[in-house]
PDB file of N, CA and C in Angstrom:
ATOM      1  N   UNK A   1     -13.633   0.662  17.993  1.00  0.00           N
ATOM      2  CA  UNK A   1     -12.877   1.807  17.504  1.00  0.00           C
ATOM      3  C   UNK A   1     -11.385   1.640  17.851  1.00  0.00           C
ATOM      4  N   UNK A   2     -10.935   0.424  17.782  1.00  0.00           N
ATOM      5  CA  UNK A   2      -9.528   0.103  18.009  1.00  0.00           C
ATOM      6  C   UNK A   2      -8.626   0.796  16.968  1.00  0.00           C
ATOM      7  N   UNK A   3      -9.179   0.982  15.780  1.00  0.00           N
ATOM      8  CA  UNK A   3      -8.384   1.540  14.678  1.00  0.00           C
ATOM      9  C   UNK A   3      -7.834   2.901  15.018  1.00  0.00           C
ATOM     10  N   UNK A   4      -8.577   3.719  15.770  1.00  0.00           N
ATOM     11  CA  UNK A   4      -8.149   5.044  16.099  1.00  0.00           C
ATOM     12  C   UNK A   4      -6.956   5.019  17.021  1.00  0.00           C
ATOM     13  N   UNK A   5      -6.998   4.144  18.022  1.00  0.00           N
ATOM     14  CA  UNK A   5      -5.877   3.977  18.925  1.00  0.00           C
ATOM     15  C   UNK A   5      -4.629   3.458  18.186  1.00  0.00           C
ATOM     16  N   UNK A   6      -4.849   2.477  17.308  1.00  0.00           N
ATOM     17  CA  UNK A   6      -3.747   1.961  16.500  1.00  0.00           C
ATOM     18  C   UNK A   6      -3.155   3.032  15.631  1.00  0.00           C
ATOM     19  N   UNK A   7      -3.991   3.838  14.991  1.00  0.00           N
ATOM     20  CA  UNK A   7      -3.512   4.926  14.115  1.00  0.00           C
ATOM     21  C   UNK A   7      -2.641   5.899  14.868  1.00  0.00           C
ATOM     22  N   UNK A   8      -3.082   6.248  16.060  1.00  0.00           N
ATOM     23  CA  UNK A   8      -2.287   7.193  16.886  1.00  0.00           C
ATOM     24  C   UNK A   8      -0.937   6.574  17.260  1.00  0.00           C
ATOM     25  N   UNK A   9      -0.974   5.303  17.639  1.00  0.00           N
ATOM     26  CA  UNK A   9       0.271   4.615  17.971  1.00  0.00           C
ATOM     27  C   UNK A   9       1.244   4.534  16.799  1.00  0.00           C
ATOM     28  N   UNK A  10       0.696   4.232  15.610  1.00  0.00           N
ATOM     29  CA  UNK A  10       1.495   4.141  14.399  1.00  0.00           C
ATOM     30  C   UNK A  10       2.130   5.466  14.098  1.00  0.00           C
ATOM     31  N   UNK A  11       1.404   6.570  14.281  1.00  0.00           N
ATOM     32  CA  UNK A  11       1.935   7.898  14.019  1.00  0.00           C
ATOM     33  C   UNK A  11       3.106   8.260  14.933  1.00  0.00           C
ATOM     34  N   UNK A  12       3.180   7.581  16.054  1.00  0.00           N
ATOM     35  CA  UNK A  12       4.232   7.861  17.021  1.00  0.00           C
ATOM     36  C   UNK A  12       5.630   7.420  16.517  1.00  0.00           C
ATOM     37  N   UNK A  13       5.673   6.718  15.382  1.00  0.00           N
ATOM     38  CA  UNK A  13       6.940   6.376  14.829  1.00  0.00           C
ATOM     39  C   UNK A  13       7.101   4.913  14.436  1.00  0.00           C
ATOM     40  N   UNK A  14       6.034   4.250  14.144  1.00  0.00           N
ATOM     41  CA  UNK A  14       6.136   2.843  13.694  1.00  0.00           C
ATOM     42  C   UNK A  14       6.962   2.770  12.426  1.00  0.00           C
ATOM     43  N   UNK A  15       7.726   1.682  12.286  1.00  0.00           N
ATOM     44  CA  UNK A  15       8.520   1.479  11.082  1.00  0.00           C
ATOM     45  C   UNK A  15       8.328   0.091  10.479  1.00  0.00           C
ATOM     46  N   UNK A  16       7.585  -0.778  11.149  1.00  0.00           N
ATOM     47  CA  UNK A  16       7.337  -2.135  10.648  1.00  0.00           C
ATOM     48  C   UNK A  16       6.217  -2.079   9.608  1.00  0.00           C
ATOM     49  N   UNK A  17       6.592  -2.176   8.360  1.00  0.00           N
ATOM     50  CA  UNK A  17       5.637  -2.027   7.258  1.00  0.00           C
ATOM     51  C   UNK A  17       4.605  -3.152   7.288  1.00  0.00           C
ATOM     52  N   UNK A  18       5.016  -4.355   7.590  1.00  0.00           N
ATOM     53  CA  UNK A  18       4.056  -5.478   7.593  1.00  0.00           C
ATOM     54  C   UNK A  18       3.010  -5.288   8.681  1.00  0.00           C
ATOM     55  N   UNK A  19       3.436  -4.835   9.870  1.00  0.00           N
ATOM     56  CA  UNK A  19       2.481  -4.630  10.964  1.00  0.00           C
ATOM     57  C   UNK A  19       1.548  -3.469  10.611  1.00  0.00           C
ATOM     58  N   UNK A  20       2.064  -2.421  10.019  1.00  0.00           N
ATOM     59  CA  UNK A  20       1.203  -1.303   9.645  1.00  0.00           C
ATOM     60  C   UNK A  20       0.231  -1.726   8.548  1.00  0.00           C
ATOM     61  N   UNK A  21       0.646  -2.540   7.618  1.00  0.00           N
ATOM     62  CA  UNK A  21      -0.247  -2.997   6.566  1.00  0.00           C
ATOM     63  C   UNK A  21      -1.363  -3.858   7.154  1.00  0.00           C
ATOM     64  N   UNK A  22      -1.025  -4.725   8.102  1.00  0.00           N
ATOM     65  CA  UNK A  22      -2.063  -5.501   8.759  1.00  0.00           C
ATOM     66  C   UNK A  22      -3.031  -4.603   9.494  1.00  0.00           C
ATOM     67  N   UNK A  23      -2.519  -3.603  10.196  1.00  0.00           N
ATOM     68  CA  UNK A  23      -3.400  -2.651  10.906  1.00  0.00           C
ATOM     69  C   UNK A  23      -4.262  -1.906   9.905  1.00  0.00           C
ATOM     70  N   UNK A  24      -3.721  -1.613   8.756  1.00  0.00           N
ATOM     71  CA  UNK A  24      -4.499  -0.899   7.713  1.00  0.00           C
ATOM     72  C   UNK A  24      -5.702  -1.729   7.283  1.00  0.00           C
ATOM     73  N   UNK A  25      -5.445  -3.010   7.036  1.00  0.00           N
ATOM     74  CA  UNK A  25      -6.549  -3.888   6.585  1.00  0.00           C
ATOM     75  C   UNK A  25      -7.626  -3.992   7.674  1.00  0.00           C
ATOM     76  N   UNK A  26      -7.219  -4.162   8.930  1.00  0.00           N
ATOM     77  CA  UNK A  26      -8.156  -4.251  10.023  1.00  0.00           C
ATOM     78  C   UNK A  26      -8.940  -2.927  10.144  1.00  0.00           C
ATOM     79  N   UNK A  27      -8.243  -1.811  10.045  1.00  0.00           N
ATOM     80  CA  UNK A  27      -8.913  -0.508  10.163  1.00  0.00           C
ATOM     81  C   UNK A  27      -9.890  -0.290   9.044  1.00  0.00           C
ATOM     82  N   UNK A  28      -9.548  -0.663   7.814  1.00  0.00           N
ATOM     83  CA  UNK A  28     -10.471  -0.510   6.709  1.00  0.00           C
ATOM     84  C   UNK A  28     -11.691  -1.368   6.864  1.00  0.00           C
ATOM     85  N   UNK A  29     -11.512  -2.587   7.354  1.00  0.00           N
ATOM     86  CA  UNK A  29     -12.645  -3.466   7.598  1.00  0.00           C
ATOM     87  C   UNK A  29     -13.538  -2.920   8.721  1.00  0.00           C
ATOM     88  N   UNK A  30     -12.917  -2.421   9.779  1.00  0.00           N
ATOM     89  CA  UNK A  30     -13.692  -1.851  10.882  1.00  0.00           C
ATOM     90  C   UNK A  30     -14.483  -0.632  10.399  1.00  0.00           C
ATOM     91  N   UNK A  31     -13.846   0.212   9.628  1.00  0.00           N
ATOM     92  CA  UNK A  31     -14.532   1.406   9.113  1.00  0.00           C
ATOM     93  C   UNK A  31     -15.691   1.000   8.220  1.00  0.00           C
ATOM     94  N   UNK A  32     -15.468   0.026   7.346  1.00  0.00           N
ATOM     95  CA  UNK A  32     -16.531  -0.439   6.461  1.00  0.00           C
ATOM     96  C   UNK A  32     -17.704  -1.027   7.261  1.00  0.00           C
ATOM     97  N   UNK A  33     -17.357  -1.724   8.354  1.00  0.00           N
ATOM     98  CA  UNK A  33     -18.369  -2.291   9.217  1.00  0.00           C
ATOM     99  C   UNK A  33     -19.252  -1.231   9.878  1.00  0.00           C
ATOM    100  N   UNK A  34     -18.690  -0.046   9.982  1.00  0.00           N
ATOM    101  CA  UNK A  34     -19.437   1.094  10.553  1.00  0.00           C
ATOM    102  C   UNK A  34     -20.085   1.931   9.473  1.00  0.00           C
ATOM    103  N   UNK A  35     -19.935   1.498   8.230  1.00  0.00           N
ATOM    104  CA  UNK A  35     -20.562   2.234   7.097  1.00  0.00           C
ATOM    105  C   UNK A  35     -19.742   3.437   6.660  1.00  0.00           C
ATOM    106  N   UNK A  36     -18.454   3.462   7.025  1.00  0.00           N
ATOM    107  CA  UNK A  36     -17.619   4.594   6.666  1.00  0.00           C
ATOM    108  C   UNK A  36     -16.694   4.144   5.516  1.00  0.00           C
ATOM    109  N   UNK A  37     -16.587   4.957   4.471  1.00  0.00           N
ATOM    110  CA  UNK A  37     -15.666   4.668   3.395  1.00  0.00           C
ATOM    111  C   UNK A  37     -14.222   4.744   3.933  1.00  0.00           C
ATOM    112  N   UNK A  38     -13.459   3.704   3.710  1.00  0.00           N
ATOM    113  CA  UNK A  38     -12.080   3.665   4.243  1.00  0.00           C
ATOM    114  C   UNK A  38     -11.255   4.869   3.801  1.00  0.00           C
ATOM    115  N   UNK A  39     -11.481   5.316   2.546  1.00  0.00           N
ATOM    116  CA  UNK A  39     -10.704   6.444   2.035  1.00  0.00           C
ATOM    117  C   UNK A  39     -11.047   7.742   2.721  1.00  0.00           C
ATOM    118  N   UNK A  40     -12.111   7.773   3.504  1.00  0.00           N
ATOM    119  CA  UNK A  40     -12.492   8.985   4.229  1.00  0.00           C
ATOM    120  C   UNK A  40     -12.319   8.840   5.744  1.00  0.00           C
ATOM    121  N   UNK A  41     -11.956   7.663   6.226  1.00  0.00           N
ATOM    122  CA  UNK A  41     -11.833   7.408   7.640  1.00  0.00           C
ATOM    123  C   UNK A  41     -10.492   8.004   8.157  1.00  0.00           C
ATOM    124  N   UNK A  42     -10.579   8.725   9.242  1.00  0.00           N
ATOM    125  CA  UNK A  42      -9.380   9.401   9.825  1.00  0.00           C
ATOM    126  C   UNK A  42      -8.274   8.386  10.171  1.00  0.00           C
ATOM    127  N   UNK A  43      -8.648   7.271  10.820  1.00  0.00           N
ATOM    128  CA  UNK A  43      -7.642   6.299  11.223  1.00  0.00           C
ATOM    129  C   UNK A  43      -6.988   5.642  10.030  1.00  0.00           C
ATOM    130  N   UNK A  44      -7.778   5.241   9.047  1.00  0.00           N
ATOM    131  CA  UNK A  44      -7.241   4.628   7.830  1.00  0.00           C
ATOM    132  C   UNK A  44      -6.265   5.607   7.141  1.00  0.00           C
ATOM    133  N   UNK A  45      -6.686   6.837   7.010  1.00  0.00           N
ATOM    134  CA  UNK A  45      -5.820   7.819   6.368  1.00  0.00           C
ATOM    135  C   UNK A  45      -4.547   8.089   7.093  1.00  0.00           C
ATOM    136  N   UNK A  46      -4.609   8.075   8.452  1.00  0.00           N
ATOM    137  CA  UNK A  46      -3.377   8.252   9.234  1.00  0.00           C
ATOM    138  C   UNK A  46      -2.408   7.083   9.048  1.00  0.00           C
ATOM    139  N   UNK A  47      -2.928   5.862   8.979  1.00  0.00           N
ATOM    140  CA  UNK A  47      -2.094   4.690   8.791  1.00  0.00           C
ATOM    141  C   UNK A  47      -1.440   4.753   7.380  1.00  0.00           C
ATOM    142  N   UNK A  48      -2.253   5.092   6.402  1.00  0.00           N
ATOM    143  CA  UNK A  48      -1.721   5.216   5.043  1.00  0.00           C
ATOM    144  C   UNK A  48      -0.644   6.278   4.967  1.00  0.00           C
ATOM    145  N   UNK A  49      -0.859   7.391   5.674  1.00  0.00           N
ATOM    146  CA  UNK A  49       0.132   8.462   5.683  1.00  0.00           C
ATOM    147  C   UNK A  49       1.461   7.961   6.268  1.00  0.00           C
ATOM    148  N   UNK A  50       1.413   7.236   7.344  1.00  0.00           N
ATOM    149  CA  UNK A  50       2.639   6.735   7.944  1.00  0.00           C
ATOM    150  C   UNK A  50       3.317   5.696   7.047  1.00  0.00           C
ATOM    151  N   UNK A  51       2.534   4.839   6.441  1.00  0.00           N
ATOM    152  CA  UNK A  51       3.129   3.871   5.502  1.00  0.00           C
ATOM    153  C   UNK A  51       3.833   4.612   4.352  1.00  0.00           C
ATOM    154  N   UNK A  52       3.185   5.602   3.817  1.00  0.00           N
ATOM    155  CA  UNK A  52       3.780   6.352   2.735  1.00  0.00           C
ATOM    156  C   UNK A  52       5.065   7.038   3.158  1.00  0.00           C
ATOM    157  N   UNK A  53       5.074   7.533   4.348  1.00  0.00           N
ATOM    158  CA  UNK A  53       6.270   8.203   4.886  1.00  0.00           C
ATOM    159  C   UNK A  53       7.426   7.247   5.063  1.00  0.00           C
ATOM    160  N   UNK A  54       7.125   6.081   5.665  1.00  0.00           N
ATOM    161  CA  UNK A  54       8.154   5.071   5.910  1.00  0.00           C
ATOM    162  C   UNK A  54       8.695   4.558   4.559  1.00  0.00           C
ATOM    163  N   UNK A  55       7.830   4.428   3.555  1.00  0.00           N
ATOM    164  CA  UNK A  55       8.229   3.957   2.240  1.00  0.00           C
ATOM    165  C   UNK A  55       8.801   5.053   1.392  1.00  0.00           C
ATOM    166  N   UNK A  56       8.900   6.239   1.932  1.00  0.00           N
ATOM    167  CA  UNK A  56       9.478   7.414   1.260  1.00  0.00           C
ATOM    168  C   UNK A  56       8.799   7.673  -0.099  1.00  0.00           C
ATOM    169  N   UNK A  57       7.472   7.702  -0.062  1.00  0.00           N
ATOM    170  CA  UNK A  57       6.695   7.953  -1.251  1.00  0.00           C
ATOM    171  C   UNK A  57       7.020   9.301  -1.891  1.00  0.00           C
ATOM    172  N   UNK A  58       7.389  10.287  -1.058  1.00  0.00           N
ATOM    173  CA  UNK A  58       7.772  11.560  -1.606  1.00  0.00           C
ATOM    174  C   UNK A  58       8.912  11.444  -2.626  1.00  0.00           C
ATOM    175  N   UNK A  59       9.820  10.505  -2.374  1.00  0.00           N
ATOM    176  CA  UNK A  59      10.930  10.273  -3.306  1.00  0.00           C
ATOM    177  C   UNK A  59      10.427   9.594  -4.577  1.00  0.00           C
ATOM    178  N   UNK A  60       9.377   8.799  -4.463  1.00  0.00           N
ATOM    179  CA  UNK A  60       8.829   8.127  -5.647  1.00  0.00           C
ATOM    180  C   UNK A  60       8.227   9.166  -6.550  1.00  0.00           C
ATOM    181  N   UNK A  61       7.535  10.123  -6.013  1.00  0.00           N
ATOM    182  CA  UNK A  61       6.864  11.127  -6.806  1.00  0.00           C
ATOM    183  C   UNK A  61       7.820  12.141  -7.421  1.00  0.00           C
ATOM    184  N   UNK A  62       8.864  12.496  -6.663  1.00  0.00           N
ATOM    185  CA  UNK A  62       9.671  13.634  -7.070  1.00  0.00           C
ATOM    186  C   UNK A  62      11.153  13.289  -7.201  1.00  0.00           C
ATOM    187  N   UNK A  63      11.537  12.071  -6.938  1.00  0.00           N
ATOM    188  CA  UNK A  63      12.949  11.755  -6.892  1.00  0.00           C
ATOM    189  C   UNK A  63      13.544  11.152  -8.136  1.00  0.00           C
ATOM    190  N   UNK A  64      14.826  11.145  -8.186  1.00  0.00           N
ATOM    191  CA  UNK A  64      15.570  10.570  -9.285  1.00  0.00           C
ATOM    192  C   UNK A  64      16.685   9.741  -8.708  1.00  0.00           C
ATOM    193  N   UNK A  65      16.988   8.632  -9.382  1.00  0.00           N
ATOM    194  CA  UNK A  65      18.093   7.785  -8.977  1.00  0.00           C
ATOM    195  C   UNK A  65      19.393   8.567  -9.227  1.00  0.00           C
ATOM    196  N   UNK A  66      20.250   8.703  -8.177  1.00  0.00           N
ATOM    197  CA  UNK A  66      21.433   9.557  -8.333  1.00  0.00           C
ATOM    198  C   UNK A  66      22.423   8.965  -9.342  1.00  0.00           C
ATOM    199  N   UNK A  67      22.419   7.681  -9.619  1.00  0.00           N
ATOM    200  CA  UNK A  67      23.368   7.105 -10.564  1.00  0.00           C
ATOM    201  C   UNK A  67      22.892   7.182 -11.992  1.00  0.00           C
ATOM    202  N   UNK A  68      21.609   6.867 -12.206  1.00  0.00           N
ATOM    203  CA  UNK A  68      21.107   6.829 -13.602  1.00  0.00           C
ATOM    204  C   UNK A  68      20.317   8.072 -13.945  1.00  0.00           C
ATOM    205  N   UNK A  69      19.974   8.880 -12.973  1.00  0.00           N
ATOM    206  CA  UNK A  69      19.133  10.056 -13.150  1.00  0.00           C
ATOM    207  C   UNK A  69      17.733   9.706 -13.682  1.00  0.00           C
ATOM    208  N   UNK A  70      17.374   8.425 -13.558  1.00  0.00           N
ATOM    209  CA  UNK A  70      16.042   7.971 -13.964  1.00  0.00           C
ATOM    210  C   UNK A  70      15.010   8.342 -12.899  1.00  0.00           C
ATOM    211  N   UNK A  71      13.794   8.601 -13.325  1.00  0.00           N
ATOM    212  CA  UNK A  71      12.712   8.900 -12.431  1.00  0.00           C
ATOM    213  C   UNK A  71      12.488   7.680 -11.516  1.00  0.00           C
ATOM    214  N   UNK A  72      12.375   7.917 -10.238  1.00  0.00           N
ATOM    215  CA  UNK A  72      12.240   6.796  -9.270  1.00  0.00           C
ATOM    216  C   UNK A  72      10.999   5.992  -9.504  1.00  0.00           C
ATOM    217  N   UNK A  73       9.865   6.629  -9.770  1.00  0.00           N
ATOM    218  CA  UNK A  73       8.628   5.893 -10.005  1.00  0.00           C
ATOM    219  C   UNK A  73       8.783   4.984 -11.236  1.00  0.00           C
ATOM    220  N   UNK A  74       9.395   5.486 -12.242  1.00  0.00           N
ATOM    221  CA  UNK A  74       9.581   4.678 -13.458  1.00  0.00           C
ATOM    222  C   UNK A  74      10.488   3.470 -13.190  1.00  0.00           C
ATOM    223  N   UNK A  75      11.489   3.673 -12.315  1.00  0.00           N
ATOM    224  CA  UNK A  75      12.340   2.536 -11.917  1.00  0.00           C
ATOM    225  C   UNK A  75      11.521   1.469 -11.201  1.00  0.00           C
ATOM    226  N   UNK A  76      10.624   1.880 -10.318  1.00  0.00           N
ATOM    227  CA  UNK A  76       9.755   0.919  -9.619  1.00  0.00           C
ATOM    228  C   UNK A  76       8.859   0.183 -10.580  1.00  0.00           C
ATOM    229  N   UNK A  77       8.300   0.896 -11.549  1.00  0.00           N
ATOM    230  CA  UNK A  77       7.421   0.246 -12.533  1.00  0.00           C
ATOM    231  C   UNK A  77       8.223  -0.766 -13.342  1.00  0.00           C
ATOM    232  N   UNK A  78       9.411  -0.395 -13.752  1.00  0.00           N
ATOM    233  CA  UNK A  78      10.268  -1.324 -14.524  1.00  0.00           C
ATOM    234  C   UNK A  78      10.628  -2.561 -13.722  1.00  0.00           C
ATOM    235  N   UNK A  79      10.982  -2.368 -12.452  1.00  0.00           N
ATOM    236  CA  UNK A  79      11.341  -3.526 -11.626  1.00  0.00           C
ATOM    237  C   UNK A  79      10.161  -4.462 -11.436  1.00  0.00           C
ATOM    238  N   UNK A  80       8.969  -3.905 -11.161  1.00  0.00           N
ATOM    239  CA  UNK A  80       7.768  -4.758 -11.005  1.00  0.00           C
ATOM    240  C   UNK A  80       7.419  -5.455 -12.301  1.00  0.00           C
ATOM    241  N   UNK A  81       7.535  -4.759 -13.431  1.00  0.00           N
ATOM    242  CA  UNK A  81       7.268  -5.369 -14.748  1.00  0.00           C
ATOM    243  C   UNK A  81       8.203  -6.510 -15.032  1.00  0.00           C
ATOM    244  N   UNK A  82       9.463  -6.328 -14.704  1.00  0.00           N
ATOM    245  CA  UNK A  82      10.484  -7.388 -14.948  1.00  0.00           C
ATOM    246  C   UNK A  82      10.177  -8.598 -14.057  1.00  0.00           C
ATOM    247  N   UNK A  83       9.789  -8.380 -12.822  1.00  0.00           N
ATOM    248  CA  UNK A  83       9.455  -9.472 -11.914  1.00  0.00           C
ATOM    249  C   UNK A  83       8.260 -10.256 -12.421  1.00  0.00           C
ATOM    250  N   UNK A  84       7.216  -9.550 -12.877  1.00  0.00           N
ATOM    251  CA  UNK A  84       6.044 -10.195 -13.434  1.00  0.00           C
ATOM    252  C   UNK A  84       6.407 -11.030 -14.650  1.00  0.00           C
ATOM    253  N   UNK A  85       7.188 -10.454 -15.535  1.00  0.00           N
ATOM    254  CA  UNK A  85       7.557 -11.150 -16.771  1.00  0.00           C
ATOM    255  C   UNK A  85       8.403 -12.385 -16.497  1.00  0.00           C
ATOM    256  N   UNK A  86       9.223 -12.327 -15.410  1.00  0.00           N
ATOM    257  CA  UNK A  86      10.058 -13.470 -15.085  1.00  0.00           C
ATOM    258  C   UNK A  86       9.324 -14.520 -14.280  1.00  0.00           C
ATOM    259  N   UNK A  87       8.074 -14.164 -13.896  1.00  0.00           N
ATOM    260  CA  UNK A  87       7.287 -15.142 -13.102  1.00  0.00           C
ATOM    261  C   UNK A  87       7.402 -14.910 -11.619  1.00  0.00           C
ATOM    262  N   UNK A  88       8.304 -14.068 -11.185  1.00  0.00           N
ATOM    263  CA  UNK A  88       8.502 -13.842  -9.743  1.00  0.00           C
ATOM    264  C   UNK A  88       7.362 -13.095  -9.100  1.00  0.00           C
ATOM    265  N   UNK A  89       6.652 -12.309  -9.860  1.00  0.00           N
ATOM    266  CA  UNK A  89       5.547 -11.512  -9.311  1.00  0.00           C
ATOM    267  C   UNK A  89       4.182 -11.988  -9.799  1.00  0.00           C
ATOM    268  N   UNK A  90       4.164 -13.152 -10.408  1.00  0.00           N
ATOM    269  CA  UNK A  90       2.893 -13.661 -10.944  1.00  0.00           C
ATOM    270  C   UNK A  90       1.994 -14.181  -9.840  1.00  0.00           C
ATOM    271  N   UNK A  91       0.702 -14.078 -10.086  1.00  0.00           N
ATOM    272  CA  UNK A  91      -0.289 -14.555  -9.120  1.00  0.00           C
ATOM    273  C   UNK A  91      -0.426 -16.051  -9.350  1.00  0.00           C
ATOM    274  N   UNK A  92      -0.236 -16.818  -8.302  1.00  0.00           N
ATOM    275  CA  UNK A  92      -0.357 -18.257  -8.392  1.00  0.00           C
ATOM    276  C   UNK A  92      -1.831 -18.669  -8.400  1.00  0.00           C
ATOM    277  N   UNK A  93      -2.074 -19.891  -8.816  1.00  0.00           N
ATOM    278  CA  UNK A  93      -3.471 -20.350  -8.868  1.00  0.00           C
ATOM    279  C   UNK A  93      -4.098 -20.451  -7.498  1.00  0.00           C
ATOM    280  N   UNK A  94      -3.273 -20.504  -6.427  1.00  0.00           N
ATOM    281  CA  UNK A  94      -3.852 -20.636  -5.077  1.00  0.00           C
ATOM    282  C   UNK A  94      -4.009 -19.287  -4.406  1.00  0.00           C
ATOM    283  N   UNK A  95      -3.672 -18.177  -5.103  1.00  0.00           N
ATOM    284  CA  UNK A  95      -3.816 -16.851  -4.551  1.00  0.00           C
ATOM    285  C   UNK A  95      -4.928 -16.085  -5.251  1.00  0.00           C
ATOM    286  N   UNK A  96      -5.655 -15.319  -4.485  1.00  0.00           N
ATOM    287  CA  UNK A  96      -6.733 -14.507  -5.038  1.00  0.00           C
ATOM    288  C   UNK A  96      -6.095 -13.351  -5.821  1.00  0.00           C
ATOM    289  N   UNK A  97      -6.672 -12.979  -6.949  1.00  0.00           N
ATOM    290  CA  UNK A  97      -6.177 -11.803  -7.685  1.00  0.00           C
ATOM    291  C   UNK A  97      -6.521 -10.519  -6.912  1.00  0.00           C
ATOM    292  N   UNK A  98      -5.768  -9.490  -7.198  1.00  0.00           N
ATOM    293  CA  UNK A  98      -6.070  -8.185  -6.617  1.00  0.00           C
ATOM    294  C   UNK A  98      -7.352  -7.679  -7.263  1.00  0.00           C
ATOM    295  N   UNK A  99      -8.305  -7.295  -6.456  1.00  0.00           N
ATOM    296  CA  UNK A  99      -9.591  -6.878  -6.974  1.00  0.00           C
ATOM    297  C   UNK A  99      -9.760  -5.371  -6.878  1.00  0.00           C
ATOM    298  N   UNK A 100     -10.327  -4.777  -7.890  1.00  0.00           N
ATOM    299  CA  UNK A 100     -10.713  -3.375  -7.850  1.00  0.00           C
ATOM    300  C   UNK A 100     -12.132  -3.262  -7.382  1.00  0.00           C
ATOM    301  N   UNK A 101     -12.548  -2.093  -6.990  1.00  0.00           N
ATOM    302  CA  UNK A 101     -13.927  -1.899  -6.579  1.00  0.00           C
ATOM    303  C   UNK A 101     -14.857  -2.313  -7.688  1.00  0.00           C
ATOM    304  N   UNK A 102     -15.897  -3.003  -7.359  1.00  0.00           N
ATOM    305  CA  UNK A 102     -16.860  -3.473  -8.349  1.00  0.00           C
ATOM    306  C   UNK A 102     -16.519  -4.845  -8.861  1.00  0.00           C
ATOM    307  N   UNK A 103     -15.493  -5.505  -8.304  1.00  0.00           N
ATOM    308  CA  UNK A 103     -15.167  -6.851  -8.657  1.00  0.00           C
ATOM    309  C   UNK A 103     -14.282  -7.038  -9.915  1.00  0.00           C
ATOM    310  N   UNK A 104     -13.765  -5.933 -10.441  1.00  0.00           N
ATOM    311  CA  UNK A 104     -12.877  -6.026 -11.609  1.00  0.00           C
ATOM    312  C   UNK A 104     -11.520  -6.550 -11.176  1.00  0.00           C
ATOM    313  N   UNK A 105     -10.916  -7.353 -12.034  1.00  0.00           N
ATOM    314  CA  UNK A 105      -9.565  -7.832 -11.754  1.00  0.00           C
ATOM    315  C   UNK A 105      -8.544  -6.835 -12.248  1.00  0.00           C
ATOM    316  N   UNK A 106      -7.488  -6.650 -11.493  1.00  0.00           N
ATOM    317  CA  UNK A 106      -6.419  -5.766 -11.926  1.00  0.00           C
ATOM    318  C   UNK A 106      -5.351  -6.595 -12.600  1.00  0.00           C
ATOM    319  N   UNK A 107      -4.850  -6.128 -13.717  1.00  0.00           N
ATOM    320  CA  UNK A 107      -3.770  -6.790 -14.401  1.00  0.00           C
ATOM    321  C   UNK A 107      -4.256  -8.021 -15.153  1.00  0.00           C
ATOM    322  N   UNK A 108      -3.307  -8.711 -15.813  1.00  0.00           N
ATOM    323  CA  UNK A 108      -3.676  -9.915 -16.535  1.00  0.00           C
ATOM    324  C   UNK A 108      -2.689 -11.005 -16.149  1.00  0.00           C
ATOM    325  N   UNK A 109      -3.112 -12.193 -16.396  1.00  0.00           N
ATOM    326  CA  UNK A 109      -2.235 -13.316 -16.048  1.00  0.00           C
ATOM    327  C   UNK A 109      -1.314 -13.623 -17.156  1.00  0.00           C
TER     328      UNK A 109
END
């Protein structure tokens, strides 16, 4: 039950996104090992909450770029799309594709 201690520590003000993401993966695996759905596990949800807060997800949902007045989420989608199209965000042959539940692949090559 290390994930619960980690989640409490992360809530205390963690700002290292990479470390929190690693903790999230470990917590989700631990929860799954106990037969708990990660999306319902208290520790997993707390870590996700802190990640969302540090990444300012509230601004993604409701914010606008002050210069262009464009919706922030749409700007993120456009930037990711441009990176994929330029090859910067493409999945290499040595990397596993992002998998959805049930083994479906997300996106196309």
